[in-house]
Amino acid sequence: MIRDATSFCGSDPSGIKVTTKSAKSIHVAWDTTKTNCGYTITGYKVYFNSLSPVKNYKYKDVSGASTNNVEISPFVAGFSYNIFVKAVTAIGIVSNPTSINYTHPHARPSYAPSNIHASVQEETSLTICWDALNVFTKNGDIKGYKIYYRGPGLTGTNSANILGEANRQYTITGLKPNSTYQFIVQVINDVGPGPYSAFIPIHTMPPLLKIWKDMT
Protein backbone atom coordinates (compact mmCIF):
# COMPACT_ATOMS: atom_id res chain seq x y z
CA MET A 1 0.00 0.00 0.00
CA ILE A 2 1.25 3.49 -0.83
CA ARG A 3 -0.26 6.18 1.35
CA ASP A 4 -1.01 9.67 0.18
CA ALA A 5 1.98 11.96 0.64
CA THR A 6 0.06 14.05 3.19
CA SER A 7 0.14 11.08 5.60
CA PHE A 8 3.92 11.19 5.88
CA CYS A 9 4.88 11.96 9.48
CA GLY A 10 8.63 11.39 9.48
CA SER A 11 11.32 13.79 8.37
CA ASP A 12 11.69 14.47 4.66
CA PRO A 13 14.98 13.72 2.90
CA SER A 14 16.67 17.12 2.70
CA GLY A 15 19.97 18.63 1.63
CA ILE A 16 19.48 17.50 -1.96
CA LYS A 17 22.41 18.55 -4.14
CA VAL A 18 24.25 17.66 -7.33
CA THR A 19 27.76 16.56 -6.39
CA THR A 20 29.40 15.59 -9.70
CA LYS A 21 28.52 15.92 -13.38
CA SER A 22 29.52 14.23 -16.61
CA ALA A 23 28.35 14.68 -20.19
CA LYS A 24 25.24 12.52 -19.79
CA SER A 25 24.85 11.86 -16.04
CA ILE A 26 25.03 13.42 -12.57
CA HIS A 27 25.46 12.24 -8.98
CA VAL A 28 22.74 13.37 -6.58
CA ALA A 29 23.19 13.30 -2.78
CA TRP A 30 20.78 13.94 0.10
CA ASP A 31 20.52 13.73 3.89
CA THR A 32 19.04 10.40 4.98
CA THR A 33 16.00 10.04 7.21
CA LYS A 34 15.52 7.13 9.65
CA THR A 35 11.83 6.51 10.16
CA ASN A 36 8.47 7.27 8.61
CA CYS A 37 5.48 7.08 11.00
CA GLY A 38 7.31 4.40 12.98
CA TYR A 39 8.23 2.34 9.93
CA THR A 40 11.87 1.82 9.02
CA ILE A 41 13.05 3.46 5.82
CA THR A 42 14.10 0.84 3.24
CA GLY A 43 15.21 3.09 0.41
CA TYR A 44 14.47 6.11 -1.71
CA LYS A 45 13.02 7.13 -5.04
CA VAL A 46 15.00 9.81 -6.84
CA TYR A 47 12.95 11.68 -9.43
CA PHE A 48 14.52 13.74 -12.22
CA ASN A 49 11.88 15.45 -14.29
CA SER A 50 12.86 17.37 -17.41
CA LEU A 51 11.03 20.71 -17.51
CA SER A 52 12.35 22.38 -20.67
CA PRO A 53 12.71 22.40 -23.58
CA VAL A 54 11.03 18.95 -23.46
CA LYS A 55 8.98 17.56 -20.55
CA ASN A 56 9.91 14.06 -19.43
CA TYR A 57 9.38 12.28 -16.10
CA LYS A 58 11.73 9.59 -14.73
CA TYR A 59 12.85 8.14 -11.40
CA LYS A 60 15.42 5.72 -10.03
CA ASP A 61 14.99 3.36 -7.06
CA VAL A 62 17.72 3.36 -4.42
CA SER A 63 17.96 0.55 -1.84
CA GLY A 64 19.05 1.03 1.77
CA ALA A 65 18.15 3.58 4.42
CA SER A 66 21.76 4.73 4.76
CA THR A 67 22.34 5.18 1.03
CA ASN A 68 22.50 8.91 0.40
CA ASN A 69 23.67 9.30 -3.20
CA VAL A 70 23.14 7.83 -6.64
CA GLU A 71 24.21 8.37 -10.23
CA ILE A 72 21.29 9.11 -12.54
CA SER A 73 21.12 9.38 -16.32
CA PRO A 74 20.56 10.25 -19.09
CA PHE A 75 20.82 14.02 -18.86
CA VAL A 76 20.79 16.29 -21.90
CA ALA A 77 23.03 19.35 -22.14
CA GLY A 78 21.04 22.57 -21.77
CA PHE A 79 17.91 20.87 -20.38
CA SER A 80 16.36 22.06 -17.10
CA TYR A 81 15.29 19.49 -14.49
CA ASN A 82 13.43 19.30 -11.19
CA ILE A 83 15.05 16.75 -8.87
CA PHE A 84 13.48 15.42 -5.67
CA VAL A 85 13.87 12.46 -3.32
CA LYS A 86 11.13 10.40 -1.62
CA ALA A 87 11.74 8.09 1.33
CA VAL A 88 10.13 4.62 1.07
CA THR A 89 9.27 2.12 3.84
CA ALA A 90 8.67 -1.62 3.73
CA ILE A 91 4.92 -1.01 3.33
CA GLY A 92 5.40 1.55 0.60
CA ILE A 93 4.83 4.81 2.48
CA VAL A 94 6.52 7.72 0.75
CA SER A 95 7.40 11.16 2.01
CA ASN A 96 6.56 14.67 0.97
CA PRO A 97 9.64 15.48 -1.11
CA THR A 98 11.82 18.54 -1.16
CA SER A 99 13.29 19.43 -4.53
CA ILE A 100 15.90 21.43 -6.41
CA ASN A 101 15.99 22.84 -9.93
CA TYR A 102 19.02 21.98 -12.03
CA THR A 103 20.20 22.84 -15.56
CA HIS A 104 22.69 20.47 -17.16
CA PRO A 105 25.73 22.36 -18.50
CA HIS A 106 25.86 23.23 -22.18
CA ALA A 107 28.27 21.27 -24.38
CA ARG A 108 29.41 21.30 -27.99
CA PRO A 109 26.86 20.00 -30.51
CA SER A 110 26.75 16.20 -30.71
CA TYR A 111 26.24 15.93 -34.46
CA ALA A 112 26.83 17.73 -37.73
CA PRO A 113 23.93 19.08 -39.81
CA SER A 114 22.28 16.49 -42.06
CA ASN A 115 20.52 16.49 -45.43
CA ILE A 116 23.05 18.84 -47.02
CA HIS A 117 21.86 19.56 -50.56
CA ALA A 118 21.46 22.25 -53.22
CA SER A 119 18.13 24.05 -53.29
CA VAL A 120 19.21 26.06 -56.35
CA GLN A 121 21.73 24.91 -58.98
CA GLU A 122 22.94 27.39 -61.61
CA GLU A 123 25.82 27.44 -64.07
CA THR A 124 28.14 29.44 -61.81
CA SER A 125 26.43 29.34 -58.41
CA LEU A 126 24.97 26.91 -55.89
CA THR A 127 22.64 27.54 -52.95
CA ILE A 128 23.38 24.98 -50.23
CA CYS A 129 20.82 24.05 -47.54
CA TRP A 130 20.80 21.70 -44.54
CA ASP A 131 18.55 20.53 -41.70
CA ALA A 132 18.67 21.87 -38.14
CA LEU A 133 19.83 19.79 -35.18
CA ASN A 134 17.09 18.60 -32.82
CA VAL A 135 16.82 19.68 -29.17
CA PHE A 136 18.60 16.52 -27.96
CA THR A 137 21.75 17.07 -30.03
CA LYS A 138 22.35 20.83 -30.24
CA ASN A 139 23.39 20.88 -26.53
CA GLY A 140 23.08 24.63 -26.11
CA ASP A 141 22.21 27.84 -27.94
CA ILE A 142 23.00 27.63 -31.65
CA LYS A 143 24.97 30.67 -32.80
CA GLY A 144 25.32 29.75 -36.47
CA TYR A 145 27.06 27.52 -38.98
CA LYS A 146 30.31 27.29 -40.90
CA ILE A 147 30.39 25.99 -44.45
CA TYR A 148 33.54 24.73 -46.19
CA TYR A 149 33.78 24.12 -49.93
CA ARG A 150 36.37 23.23 -52.55
CA GLY A 151 36.48 22.41 -56.24
CA PRO A 152 37.61 23.52 -59.72
CA GLY A 153 38.84 27.10 -59.93
CA LEU A 154 39.14 27.48 -56.14
CA THR A 155 42.38 27.74 -54.21
CA GLY A 156 42.37 25.19 -51.40
CA THR A 157 39.32 24.96 -49.14
CA ASN A 158 37.16 28.07 -48.83
CA SER A 159 34.83 28.81 -45.90
CA ALA A 160 32.02 31.13 -44.85
CA ASN A 161 30.29 31.88 -41.52
CA ILE A 162 26.49 31.97 -41.33
CA LEU A 163 25.02 33.64 -38.24
CA GLY A 164 21.78 32.53 -36.59
CA GLU A 165 20.18 29.13 -35.99
CA ALA A 166 17.42 29.69 -38.55
CA ASN A 167 19.77 30.71 -41.39
CA ARG A 168 20.34 27.29 -42.93
CA GLN A 169 21.34 28.14 -46.48
CA TYR A 170 24.23 29.82 -48.26
CA THR A 171 24.84 30.80 -51.89
CA ILE A 172 28.31 30.43 -53.43
CA THR A 173 28.99 32.32 -56.66
CA GLY A 174 31.86 32.45 -59.14
CA LEU A 175 31.90 28.70 -59.76
CA LYS A 176 32.65 26.88 -62.99
CA PRO A 177 29.79 25.46 -65.06
CA ASN A 178 29.28 21.70 -65.24
CA SER A 179 31.69 21.10 -62.33
CA THR A 180 31.55 19.18 -59.06
CA TYR A 181 32.18 20.98 -55.76
CA GLN A 182 32.39 19.45 -52.31
CA PHE A 183 30.79 20.90 -49.19
CA ILE A 184 31.10 20.43 -45.42
CA VAL A 185 28.78 22.08 -42.88
CA GLN A 186 29.47 22.52 -39.16
CA VAL A 187 27.13 23.86 -36.48
CA ILE A 188 28.40 26.21 -33.74
CA ASN A 189 26.71 26.79 -30.37
CA ASP A 190 27.56 28.91 -27.32
CA VAL A 191 30.24 26.41 -26.22
CA GLY A 192 31.94 25.88 -29.57
CA PRO A 193 31.83 24.05 -32.90
CA GLY A 194 30.41 20.58 -33.36
CA PRO A 195 31.75 17.80 -35.60
CA TYR A 196 32.20 18.22 -39.34
CA SER A 197 29.76 16.68 -41.76
CA ALA A 198 31.06 14.40 -44.49
CA PHE A 199 32.04 16.04 -47.79
CA ILE A 200 28.94 16.28 -49.98
CA PRO A 201 29.51 16.54 -53.78
CA ILE A 202 27.18 18.91 -55.66
CA HIS A 203 27.31 19.72 -59.39
CA THR A 204 26.81 23.06 -61.15
CA MET A 205 24.64 23.19 -64.26
CA PRO A 206 26.20 22.96 -67.75
CA PRO A 207 26.07 26.07 -69.96
CA LEU A 208 22.69 26.61 -71.60
CA LEU A 209 24.35 27.11 -75.00
CA LYS A 210 25.94 23.65 -74.77
CA ILE A 211 22.61 22.08 -73.81
CA TRP A 212 20.93 23.77 -76.79
CA LYS A 213 23.65 22.52 -79.17
CA ASP A 214 23.35 18.99 -77.77
CA MET A 215 19.62 19.04 -78.45
CA THR A 216 19.95 20.20 -82.08
C-alpha atoms as a PDB file:
ATOM      1  CA  MET A   1       0.000   0.000   0.000  1.00  0.00           C
ATOM      2  CA  ILE A   2       1.253   3.491  -0.829  1.00  0.00           C
ATOM      3  CA  ARG A   3      -0.260   6.183   1.353  1.00  0.00           C
ATOM      4  CA  ASP A   4      -1.007   9.675   0.183  1.00  0.00           C
ATOM      5  CA  ALA A   5       1.980  11.961   0.641  1.00  0.00           C
ATOM      6  CA  THR A   6       0.058  14.053   3.190  1.00  0.00           C
ATOM      7  CA  SER A   7       0.137  11.076   5.605  1.00  0.00           C
ATOM      8  CA  PHE A   8       3.920  11.194   5.877  1.00  0.00           C
ATOM      9  CA  CYS A   9       4.877  11.958   9.483  1.00  0.00           C
ATOM     10  CA  GLY A  10       8.630  11.388   9.483  1.00  0.00           C
ATOM     11  CA  SER A  11      11.321  13.795   8.368  1.00  0.00           C
ATOM     12  CA  ASP A  12      11.694  14.467   4.662  1.00  0.00           C
ATOM     13  CA  PRO A  13      14.985  13.717   2.901  1.00  0.00           C
ATOM     14  CA  SER A  14      16.668  17.117   2.699  1.00  0.00           C
ATOM     15  CA  GLY A  15      19.966  18.630   1.633  1.00  0.00           C
ATOM     16  CA  ILE A  16      19.483  17.501  -1.965  1.00  0.00           C
ATOM     17  CA  LYS A  17      22.412  18.546  -4.138  1.00  0.00           C
ATOM     18  CA  VAL A  18      24.249  17.662  -7.329  1.00  0.00           C
ATOM     19  CA  THR A  19      27.762  16.556  -6.386  1.00  0.00           C
ATOM     20  CA  THR A  20      29.401  15.589  -9.698  1.00  0.00           C
ATOM     21  CA  LYS A  21      28.524  15.917 -13.376  1.00  0.00           C
ATOM     22  CA  SER A  22      29.521  14.226 -16.614  1.00  0.00           C
ATOM     23  CA  ALA A  23      28.354  14.684 -20.194  1.00  0.00           C
ATOM     24  CA  LYS A  24      25.236  12.515 -19.788  1.00  0.00           C
ATOM     25  CA  SER A  25      24.850  11.860 -16.042  1.00  0.00           C
ATOM     26  CA  ILE A  26      25.034  13.421 -12.574  1.00  0.00           C
ATOM     27  CA  HIS A  27      25.461  12.241  -8.982  1.00  0.00           C
ATOM     28  CA  VAL A  28      22.741  13.371  -6.578  1.00  0.00           C
ATOM     29  CA  ALA A  29      23.191  13.304  -2.784  1.00  0.00           C
ATOM     30  CA  TRP A  30      20.779  13.942   0.098  1.00  0.00           C
ATOM     31  CA  ASP A  31      20.521  13.729   3.891  1.00  0.00           C
ATOM     32  CA  THR A  32      19.042  10.396   4.977  1.00  0.00           C
ATOM     33  CA  THR A  33      15.998  10.041   7.209  1.00  0.00           C
ATOM     34  CA  LYS A  34      15.522   7.128   9.650  1.00  0.00           C
ATOM     35  CA  THR A  35      11.826   6.508  10.162  1.00  0.00           C
ATOM     36  CA  ASN A  36       8.473   7.271   8.611  1.00  0.00           C
ATOM     37  CA  CYS A  37       5.483   7.084  10.997  1.00  0.00           C
ATOM     38  CA  GLY A  38       7.308   4.397  12.984  1.00  0.00           C
ATOM     39  CA  TYR A  39       8.228   2.336   9.932  1.00  0.00           C
ATOM     40  CA  THR A  40      11.873   1.825   9.018  1.00  0.00           C
ATOM     41  CA  ILE A  41      13.047   3.457   5.815  1.00  0.00           C
ATOM     42  CA  THR A  42      14.099   0.843   3.242  1.00  0.00           C
ATOM     43  CA  GLY A  43      15.215   3.086   0.413  1.00  0.00           C
ATOM     44  CA  TYR A  44      14.467   6.113  -1.707  1.00  0.00           C
ATOM     45  CA  LYS A  45      13.019   7.125  -5.037  1.00  0.00           C
ATOM     46  CA  VAL A  46      15.002   9.813  -6.838  1.00  0.00           C
ATOM     47  CA  TYR A  47      12.952  11.684  -9.429  1.00  0.00           C
ATOM     48  CA  PHE A  48      14.521  13.736 -12.222  1.00  0.00           C
ATOM     49  CA  ASN A  49      11.884  15.450 -14.294  1.00  0.00           C
ATOM     50  CA  SER A  50      12.863  17.366 -17.406  1.00  0.00           C
ATOM     51  CA  LEU A  51      11.028  20.706 -17.512  1.00  0.00           C
ATOM     52  CA  SER A  52      12.352  22.378 -20.672  1.00  0.00           C
ATOM     53  CA  PRO A  53      12.711  22.401 -23.584  1.00  0.00           C
ATOM     54  CA  VAL A  54      11.034  18.950 -23.459  1.00  0.00           C
ATOM     55  CA  LYS A  55       8.983  17.563 -20.553  1.00  0.00           C
ATOM     56  CA  ASN A  56       9.912  14.056 -19.432  1.00  0.00           C
ATOM     57  CA  TYR A  57       9.384  12.275 -16.095  1.00  0.00           C
ATOM     58  CA  LYS A  58      11.728   9.593 -14.725  1.00  0.00           C
ATOM     59  CA  TYR A  59      12.846   8.139 -11.397  1.00  0.00           C
ATOM     60  CA  LYS A  60      15.422   5.719 -10.028  1.00  0.00           C
ATOM     61  CA  ASP A  61      14.988   3.355  -7.058  1.00  0.00           C
ATOM     62  CA  VAL A  62      17.722   3.365  -4.417  1.00  0.00           C
ATOM     63  CA  SER A  63      17.957   0.554  -1.840  1.00  0.00           C
ATOM     64  CA  GLY A  64      19.046   1.025   1.773  1.00  0.00           C
ATOM     65  CA  ALA A  65      18.147   3.581   4.420  1.00  0.00           C
ATOM     66  CA  SER A  66      21.764   4.729   4.759  1.00  0.00           C
ATOM     67  CA  THR A  67      22.342   5.179   1.026  1.00  0.00           C
ATOM     68  CA  ASN A  68      22.495   8.907   0.402  1.00  0.00           C
ATOM     69  CA  ASN A  69      23.673   9.296  -3.197  1.00  0.00           C
ATOM     70  CA  VAL A  70      23.137   7.832  -6.642  1.00  0.00           C
ATOM     71  CA  GLU A  71      24.209   8.371 -10.234  1.00  0.00           C
ATOM     72  CA  ILE A  72      21.293   9.112 -12.541  1.00  0.00           C
ATOM     73  CA  SER A  73      21.122   9.382 -16.316  1.00  0.00           C
ATOM     74  CA  PRO A  74      20.560  10.246 -19.089  1.00  0.00           C
ATOM     75  CA  PHE A  75      20.820  14.018 -18.858  1.00  0.00           C
ATOM     76  CA  VAL A  76      20.795  16.290 -21.900  1.00  0.00           C
ATOM     77  CA  ALA A  77      23.032  19.355 -22.136  1.00  0.00           C
ATOM     78  CA  GLY A  78      21.041  22.573 -21.774  1.00  0.00           C
ATOM     79  CA  PHE A  79      17.913  20.875 -20.379  1.00  0.00           C
ATOM     80  CA  SER A  80      16.359  22.064 -17.096  1.00  0.00           C
ATOM     81  CA  TYR A  81      15.293  19.490 -14.485  1.00  0.00           C
ATOM     82  CA  ASN A  82      13.429  19.299 -11.194  1.00  0.00           C
ATOM     83  CA  ILE A  83      15.053  16.746  -8.870  1.00  0.00           C
ATOM     84  CA  PHE A  84      13.483  15.423  -5.668  1.00  0.00           C
ATOM     85  CA  VAL A  85      13.873  12.456  -3.320  1.00  0.00           C
ATOM     86  CA  LYS A  86      11.131  10.402  -1.623  1.00  0.00           C
ATOM     87  CA  ALA A  87      11.740   8.087   1.327  1.00  0.00           C
ATOM     88  CA  VAL A  88      10.125   4.623   1.071  1.00  0.00           C
ATOM     89  CA  THR A  89       9.271   2.124   3.840  1.00  0.00           C
ATOM     90  CA  ALA A  90       8.668  -1.619   3.731  1.00  0.00           C
ATOM     91  CA  ILE A  91       4.925  -1.014   3.326  1.00  0.00           C
ATOM     92  CA  GLY A  92       5.397   1.550   0.604  1.00  0.00           C
ATOM     93  CA  ILE A  93       4.826   4.813   2.484  1.00  0.00           C
ATOM     94  CA  VAL A  94       6.525   7.716   0.747  1.00  0.00           C
ATOM     95  CA  SER A  95       7.402  11.156   2.006  1.00  0.00           C
ATOM     96  CA  ASN A  96       6.560  14.674   0.967  1.00  0.00           C
ATOM     97  CA  PRO A  97       9.645  15.477  -1.109  1.00  0.00           C
ATOM     98  CA  THR A  98      11.816  18.544  -1.157  1.00  0.00           C
ATOM     99  CA  SER A  99      13.288  19.434  -4.530  1.00  0.00           C
ATOM    100  CA  ILE A 100      15.903  21.428  -6.408  1.00  0.00           C
ATOM    101  CA  ASN A 101      15.994  22.836  -9.929  1.00  0.00           C
ATOM    102  CA  TYR A 102      19.021  21.976 -12.028  1.00  0.00           C
ATOM    103  CA  THR A 103      20.199  22.844 -15.557  1.00  0.00           C
ATOM    104  CA  HIS A 104      22.686  20.468 -17.164  1.00  0.00           C
ATOM    105  CA  PRO A 105      25.734  22.360 -18.503  1.00  0.00           C
ATOM    106  CA  HIS A 106      25.862  23.226 -22.179  1.00  0.00           C
ATOM    107  CA  ALA A 107      28.266  21.273 -24.384  1.00  0.00           C
ATOM    108  CA  ARG A 108      29.407  21.302 -27.985  1.00  0.00           C
ATOM    109  CA  PRO A 109      26.856  20.004 -30.515  1.00  0.00           C
ATOM    110  CA  SER A 110      26.745  16.200 -30.712  1.00  0.00           C
ATOM    111  CA  TYR A 111      26.240  15.933 -34.462  1.00  0.00           C
ATOM    112  CA  ALA A 112      26.829  17.731 -37.733  1.00  0.00           C
ATOM    113  CA  PRO A 113      23.934  19.080 -39.807  1.00  0.00           C
ATOM    114  CA  SER A 114      22.278  16.492 -42.056  1.00  0.00           C
ATOM    115  CA  ASN A 115      20.517  16.490 -45.435  1.00  0.00           C
ATOM    116  CA  ILE A 116      23.046  18.842 -47.023  1.00  0.00           C
ATOM    117  CA  HIS A 117      21.857  19.557 -50.559  1.00  0.00           C
ATOM    118  CA  ALA A 118      21.463  22.252 -53.221  1.00  0.00           C
ATOM    119  CA  SER A 119      18.130  24.047 -53.288  1.00  0.00           C
ATOM    120  CA  VAL A 120      19.211  26.057 -56.353  1.00  0.00           C
ATOM    121  CA  GLN A 121      21.733  24.914 -58.980  1.00  0.00           C
ATOM    122  CA  GLU A 122      22.938  27.388 -61.609  1.00  0.00           C
ATOM    123  CA  GLU A 123      25.825  27.443 -64.070  1.00  0.00           C
ATOM    124  CA  THR A 124      28.138  29.445 -61.815  1.00  0.00           C
ATOM    125  CA  SER A 125      26.431  29.337 -58.413  1.00  0.00           C
ATOM    126  CA  LEU A 126      24.972  26.907 -55.886  1.00  0.00           C
ATOM    127  CA  THR A 127      22.643  27.540 -52.947  1.00  0.00           C
ATOM    128  CA  ILE A 128      23.382  24.984 -50.235  1.00  0.00           C
ATOM    129  CA  CYS A 129      20.822  24.046 -47.539  1.00  0.00           C
ATOM    130  CA  TRP A 130      20.804  21.698 -44.540  1.00  0.00           C
ATOM    131  CA  ASP A 131      18.554  20.527 -41.696  1.00  0.00           C
ATOM    132  CA  ALA A 132      18.674  21.873 -38.144  1.00  0.00           C
ATOM    133  CA  LEU A 133      19.826  19.788 -35.184  1.00  0.00           C
ATOM    134  CA  ASN A 134      17.093  18.604 -32.819  1.00  0.00           C
ATOM    135  CA  VAL A 135      16.820  19.679 -29.166  1.00  0.00           C
ATOM    136  CA  PHE A 136      18.596  16.522 -27.961  1.00  0.00           C
ATOM    137  CA  THR A 137      21.748  17.072 -30.033  1.00  0.00           C
ATOM    138  CA  LYS A 138      22.348  20.828 -30.241  1.00  0.00           C
ATOM    139  CA  ASN A 139      23.389  20.877 -26.529  1.00  0.00           C
ATOM    140  CA  GLY A 140      23.083  24.632 -26.114  1.00  0.00           C
ATOM    141  CA  ASP A 141      22.214  27.844 -27.937  1.00  0.00           C
ATOM    142  CA  ILE A 142      22.996  27.629 -31.650  1.00  0.00           C
ATOM    143  CA  LYS A 143      24.971  30.671 -32.805  1.00  0.00           C
ATOM    144  CA  GLY A 144      25.316  29.754 -36.470  1.00  0.00           C
ATOM    145  CA  TYR A 145      27.056  27.518 -38.976  1.00  0.00           C
ATOM    146  CA  LYS A 146      30.306  27.293 -40.897  1.00  0.00           C
ATOM    147  CA  ILE A 147      30.393  25.987 -44.454  1.00  0.00           C
ATOM    148  CA  TYR A 148      33.541  24.728 -46.186  1.00  0.00           C
ATOM    149  CA  TYR A 149      33.783  24.124 -49.927  1.00  0.00           C
ATOM    150  CA  ARG A 150      36.374  23.230 -52.549  1.00  0.00           C
ATOM    151  CA  GLY A 151      36.482  22.406 -56.236  1.00  0.00           C
ATOM    152  CA  PRO A 152      37.611  23.523 -59.720  1.00  0.00           C
ATOM    153  CA  GLY A 153      38.841  27.096 -59.930  1.00  0.00           C
ATOM    154  CA  LEU A 154      39.138  27.478 -56.139  1.00  0.00           C
ATOM    155  CA  THR A 155      42.384  27.736 -54.211  1.00  0.00           C
ATOM    156  CA  GLY A 156      42.374  25.186 -51.401  1.00  0.00           C
ATOM    157  CA  THR A 157      39.325  24.962 -49.142  1.00  0.00           C
ATOM    158  CA  ASN A 158      37.160  28.072 -48.825  1.00  0.00           C
ATOM    159  CA  SER A 159      34.832  28.813 -45.903  1.00  0.00           C
ATOM    160  CA  ALA A 160      32.015  31.126 -44.850  1.00  0.00           C
ATOM    161  CA  ASN A 161      30.291  31.880 -41.524  1.00  0.00           C
ATOM    162  CA  ILE A 162      26.491  31.966 -41.333  1.00  0.00           C
ATOM    163  CA  LEU A 163      25.020  33.641 -38.240  1.00  0.00           C
ATOM    164  CA  GLY A 164      21.777  32.528 -36.585  1.00  0.00           C
ATOM    165  CA  GLU A 165      20.180  29.135 -35.988  1.00  0.00           C
ATOM    166  CA  ALA A 166      17.417  29.691 -38.552  1.00  0.00           C
ATOM    167  CA  ASN A 167      19.772  30.706 -41.394  1.00  0.00           C
ATOM    168  CA  ARG A 168      20.342  27.294 -42.929  1.00  0.00           C
ATOM    169  CA  GLN A 169      21.343  28.145 -46.476  1.00  0.00           C
ATOM    170  CA  TYR A 170      24.226  29.821 -48.260  1.00  0.00           C
ATOM    171  CA  THR A 171      24.842  30.802 -51.894  1.00  0.00           C
ATOM    172  CA  ILE A 172      28.308  30.430 -53.433  1.00  0.00           C
ATOM    173  CA  THR A 173      28.992  32.318 -56.660  1.00  0.00           C
ATOM    174  CA  GLY A 174      31.859  32.451 -59.142  1.00  0.00           C
ATOM    175  CA  LEU A 175      31.900  28.700 -59.759  1.00  0.00           C
ATOM    176  CA  LYS A 176      32.653  26.878 -62.992  1.00  0.00           C
ATOM    177  CA  PRO A 177      29.786  25.463 -65.062  1.00  0.00           C
ATOM    178  CA  ASN A 178      29.285  21.698 -65.239  1.00  0.00           C
ATOM    179  CA  SER A 179      31.691  21.096 -62.332  1.00  0.00           C
ATOM    180  CA  THR A 180      31.547  19.184 -59.063  1.00  0.00           C
ATOM    181  CA  TYR A 181      32.182  20.981 -55.764  1.00  0.00           C
ATOM    182  CA  GLN A 182      32.386  19.448 -52.310  1.00  0.00           C
ATOM    183  CA  PHE A 183      30.785  20.896 -49.187  1.00  0.00           C
ATOM    184  CA  ILE A 184      31.104  20.431 -45.417  1.00  0.00           C
ATOM    185  CA  VAL A 185      28.779  22.084 -42.880  1.00  0.00           C
ATOM    186  CA  GLN A 186      29.475  22.516 -39.164  1.00  0.00           C
ATOM    187  CA  VAL A 187      27.132  23.856 -36.475  1.00  0.00           C
ATOM    188  CA  ILE A 188      28.401  26.206 -33.738  1.00  0.00           C
ATOM    189  CA  ASN A 189      26.713  26.791 -30.371  1.00  0.00           C
ATOM    190  CA  ASP A 190      27.557  28.914 -27.319  1.00  0.00           C
ATOM    191  CA  VAL A 191      30.237  26.415 -26.219  1.00  0.00           C
ATOM    192  CA  GLY A 192      31.944  25.885 -29.568  1.00  0.00           C
ATOM    193  CA  PRO A 193      31.826  24.047 -32.898  1.00  0.00           C
ATOM    194  CA  GLY A 194      30.405  20.576 -33.356  1.00  0.00           C
ATOM    195  CA  PRO A 195      31.752  17.800 -35.600  1.00  0.00           C
ATOM    196  CA  TYR A 196      32.200  18.220 -39.342  1.00  0.00           C
ATOM    197  CA  SER A 197      29.763  16.678 -41.756  1.00  0.00           C
ATOM    198  CA  ALA A 198      31.062  14.404 -44.490  1.00  0.00           C
ATOM    199  CA  PHE A 199      32.042  16.036 -47.788  1.00  0.00           C
ATOM    200  CA  ILE A 200      28.936  16.281 -49.981  1.00  0.00           C
ATOM    201  CA  PRO A 201      29.510  16.540 -53.778  1.00  0.00           C
ATOM    202  CA  ILE A 202      27.180  18.914 -55.662  1.00  0.00           C
ATOM    203  CA  HIS A 203      27.307  19.718 -59.391  1.00  0.00           C
ATOM    204  CA  THR A 204      26.813  23.056 -61.146  1.00  0.00           C
ATOM    205  CA  MET A 205      24.645  23.190 -64.261  1.00  0.00           C
ATOM    206  CA  PRO A 206      26.198  22.955 -67.748  1.00  0.00           C
ATOM    207  CA  PRO A 207      26.069  26.066 -69.960  1.00  0.00           C
ATOM    208  CA  LEU A 208      22.688  26.609 -71.596  1.00  0.00           C
ATOM    209  CA  LEU A 209      24.348  27.106 -75.000  1.00  0.00           C
ATOM    210  CA  LYS A 210      25.942  23.653 -74.768  1.00  0.00           C
ATOM    211  CA  ILE A 211      22.607  22.080 -73.807  1.00  0.00           C
ATOM    212  CA  TRP A 212      20.931  23.770 -76.791  1.00  0.00           C
ATOM    213  CA  LYS A 213      23.650  22.518 -79.173  1.00  0.00           C
ATOM    214  CA  ASP A 214      23.353  18.990 -77.771  1.00  0.00           C
ATOM    215  CA  MET A 215      19.618  19.045 -78.448  1.00  0.00           C
ATOM    216  CA  THR A 216      19.951  20.197 -82.078  1.00  0.00           C
END
